[in-house]
Amino acid sequence: MTVCAPADLDDGHWRRWSSFEELRWPFPSPFTARDFVEAVARARPDTRVAVIEADGEVVGYLPHQAPRRGVATAVAHGVSD
């Protein structure tokens, strides 16, 4: 697993992320959508994305607010719940 800022993700990562979002149709979460995560990151510099890998392949993305006292929270916690 790698943790980075949303701005550090390249187009390949965003395409892969979008493909995962399409799998959740018809119930995708707007709170994990690229536009939302990027907008939150502009307002909250502690926004991060965990890039989850298995056997060298990306299998998921988990946007979150950087841990405070060791506990990560949902992106825009308090707004997105």
C-alpha atoms as a PDB file:
ATOM      1  CA  MET A   1       0.000   0.000   0.000  1.00  0.00           C
ATOM      2  CA  THR A   2       1.152   3.488  -0.851  1.00  0.00           C
ATOM      3  CA  VAL A   3      -0.311   6.679   0.605  1.00  0.00           C
ATOM      4  CA  CYS A   4      -0.139   9.918  -1.377  1.00  0.00           C
ATOM      5  CA  ALA A   5      -1.905  13.207  -1.995  1.00  0.00           C
ATOM      6  CA  PRO A   6      -4.598  13.116  -4.715  1.00  0.00           C
ATOM      7  CA  ALA A   7      -2.475  15.500  -6.820  1.00  0.00           C
ATOM      8  CA  ASP A   8       0.247  12.825  -6.940  1.00  0.00           C
ATOM      9  CA  LEU A   9      -1.990  10.347  -8.785  1.00  0.00           C
ATOM     10  CA  ASP A  10      -1.360  10.165 -12.530  1.00  0.00           C
ATOM     11  CA  ASP A  11      -3.981   9.698 -15.259  1.00  0.00           C
ATOM     12  CA  GLY A  12      -3.496   5.928 -15.181  1.00  0.00           C
ATOM     13  CA  HIS A  13      -4.462   5.848 -11.517  1.00  0.00           C
ATOM     14  CA  TRP A  14      -7.507   8.029 -12.114  1.00  0.00           C
ATOM     15  CA  ARG A  15      -8.668   5.787 -15.007  1.00  0.00           C
ATOM     16  CA  ARG A  16      -8.249   2.708 -12.820  1.00  0.00           C
ATOM     17  CA  TRP A  17     -10.105   4.425  -9.957  1.00  0.00           C
ATOM     18  CA  SER A  18     -12.938   5.313 -12.363  1.00  0.00           C
ATOM     19  CA  SER A  19     -13.173   1.693 -13.489  1.00  0.00           C
ATOM     20  CA  PHE A  20     -13.693   0.646  -9.864  1.00  0.00           C
ATOM     21  CA  GLU A  21     -16.387   3.306  -9.433  1.00  0.00           C
ATOM     22  CA  GLU A  22     -18.217   1.986 -12.524  1.00  0.00           C
ATOM     23  CA  LEU A  23     -18.395  -1.452 -10.906  1.00  0.00           C
ATOM     24  CA  ARG A  24     -20.490   0.037  -8.103  1.00  0.00           C
ATOM     25  CA  TRP A  25     -23.133   1.375 -10.476  1.00  0.00           C
ATOM     26  CA  PRO A  26     -26.039   1.970  -9.902  1.00  0.00           C
ATOM     27  CA  PHE A  27     -25.001   2.896  -6.337  1.00  0.00           C
ATOM     28  CA  PRO A  28     -21.700   4.760  -6.634  1.00  0.00           C
ATOM     29  CA  SER A  29     -20.652   6.994  -3.777  1.00  0.00           C
ATOM     30  CA  PRO A  30     -20.203  10.648  -4.690  1.00  0.00           C
ATOM     31  CA  PHE A  31     -17.849  10.907  -1.723  1.00  0.00           C
ATOM     32  CA  THR A  32     -15.239   8.729  -3.421  1.00  0.00           C
ATOM     33  CA  ALA A  33     -15.579  10.388  -6.845  1.00  0.00           C
ATOM     34  CA  ARG A  34     -12.506  12.071  -8.305  1.00  0.00           C
ATOM     35  CA  ASP A  35     -14.087  15.549  -8.475  1.00  0.00           C
ATOM     36  CA  PHE A  36     -15.152  15.419  -4.842  1.00  0.00           C
ATOM     37  CA  VAL A  37     -11.802  14.110  -3.585  1.00  0.00           C
ATOM     38  CA  GLU A  38      -9.880  16.735  -5.577  1.00  0.00           C
ATOM     39  CA  ALA A  39     -12.182  19.528  -4.352  1.00  0.00           C
ATOM     40  CA  VAL A  40     -11.752  18.446  -0.743  1.00  0.00           C
ATOM     41  CA  ALA A  41      -7.978  18.233  -1.239  1.00  0.00           C
ATOM     42  CA  ARG A  42      -7.914  21.884  -2.370  1.00  0.00           C
ATOM     43  CA  ALA A  43      -9.594  22.902   0.900  1.00  0.00           C
ATOM     44  CA  ARG A  44      -8.013  20.246   3.141  1.00  0.00           C
ATOM     45  CA  PRO A  45      -4.303  19.689   2.451  1.00  0.00           C
ATOM     46  CA  ASP A  46      -4.349  16.637   4.734  1.00  0.00           C
ATOM     47  CA  THR A  47      -6.411  14.684   2.151  1.00  0.00           C
ATOM     48  CA  ARG A  48      -4.665  11.459   1.178  1.00  0.00           C
ATOM     49  CA  VAL A  49      -5.344   8.404  -0.943  1.00  0.00           C
ATOM     50  CA  ALA A  50      -4.258   4.913   0.022  1.00  0.00           C
ATOM     51  CA  VAL A  51      -3.391   3.022  -3.163  1.00  0.00           C
ATOM     52  CA  ILE A  52      -4.009  -0.629  -2.293  1.00  0.00           C
ATOM     53  CA  GLU A  53      -2.078  -3.292  -4.189  1.00  0.00           C
ATOM     54  CA  ALA A  54      -2.039  -7.077  -4.316  1.00  0.00           C
ATOM     55  CA  ASP A  55       0.528  -9.034  -6.292  1.00  0.00           C
ATOM     56  CA  GLY A  56       1.796  -5.821  -7.904  1.00  0.00           C
ATOM     57  CA  GLU A  57      -1.635  -4.780  -9.183  1.00  0.00           C
ATOM     58  CA  VAL A  58      -3.768  -1.897  -7.907  1.00  0.00           C
ATOM     59  CA  VAL A  59      -6.931  -3.357  -6.397  1.00  0.00           C
ATOM     60  CA  GLY A  60      -8.389  -0.311  -4.679  1.00  0.00           C
ATOM     61  CA  TYR A  61      -8.196   3.304  -3.625  1.00  0.00           C
ATOM     62  CA  LEU A  62      -9.216   4.667  -0.252  1.00  0.00           C
ATOM     63  CA  PRO A  63      -9.467   8.453   0.031  1.00  0.00           C
ATOM     64  CA  HIS A  64      -9.205   9.751   3.586  1.00  0.00           C
ATOM     65  CA  GLN A  65      -8.087  12.590   5.793  1.00  0.00           C
ATOM     66  CA  ALA A  66      -4.604  12.004   7.188  1.00  0.00           C
ATOM     67  CA  PRO A  67      -4.598  10.297  10.552  1.00  0.00           C
ATOM     68  CA  ARG A  68      -4.818  12.433  13.606  1.00  0.00           C
ATOM     69  CA  ARG A  69      -3.718  10.557  16.673  1.00  0.00           C
ATOM     70  CA  GLY A  70      -3.389   7.473  14.480  1.00  0.00           C
ATOM     71  CA  VAL A  71      -6.975   7.366  13.196  1.00  0.00           C
ATOM     72  CA  ALA A  72      -7.818   8.230   9.578  1.00  0.00           C
ATOM     73  CA  THR A  73     -11.242   9.695   8.867  1.00  0.00           C
ATOM     74  CA  ALA A  74     -13.492   9.794   5.823  1.00  0.00           C
ATOM     75  CA  VAL A  75     -12.848  12.501   3.250  1.00  0.00           C
ATOM     76  CA  ALA A  76     -14.625  15.660   4.430  1.00  0.00           C
ATOM     77  CA  HIS A  77     -15.648  13.901   7.627  1.00  0.00           C
ATOM     78  CA  GLY A  78     -18.652  15.644   9.094  1.00  0.00           C
ATOM     79  CA  VAL A  79     -19.881  16.659   5.656  1.00  0.00           C
ATOM     80  CA  SER A  80     -19.805  13.298   3.921  1.00  0.00           C
ATOM     81  CA  ASP A  81     -21.491  11.198   6.605  1.00  0.00           C
END
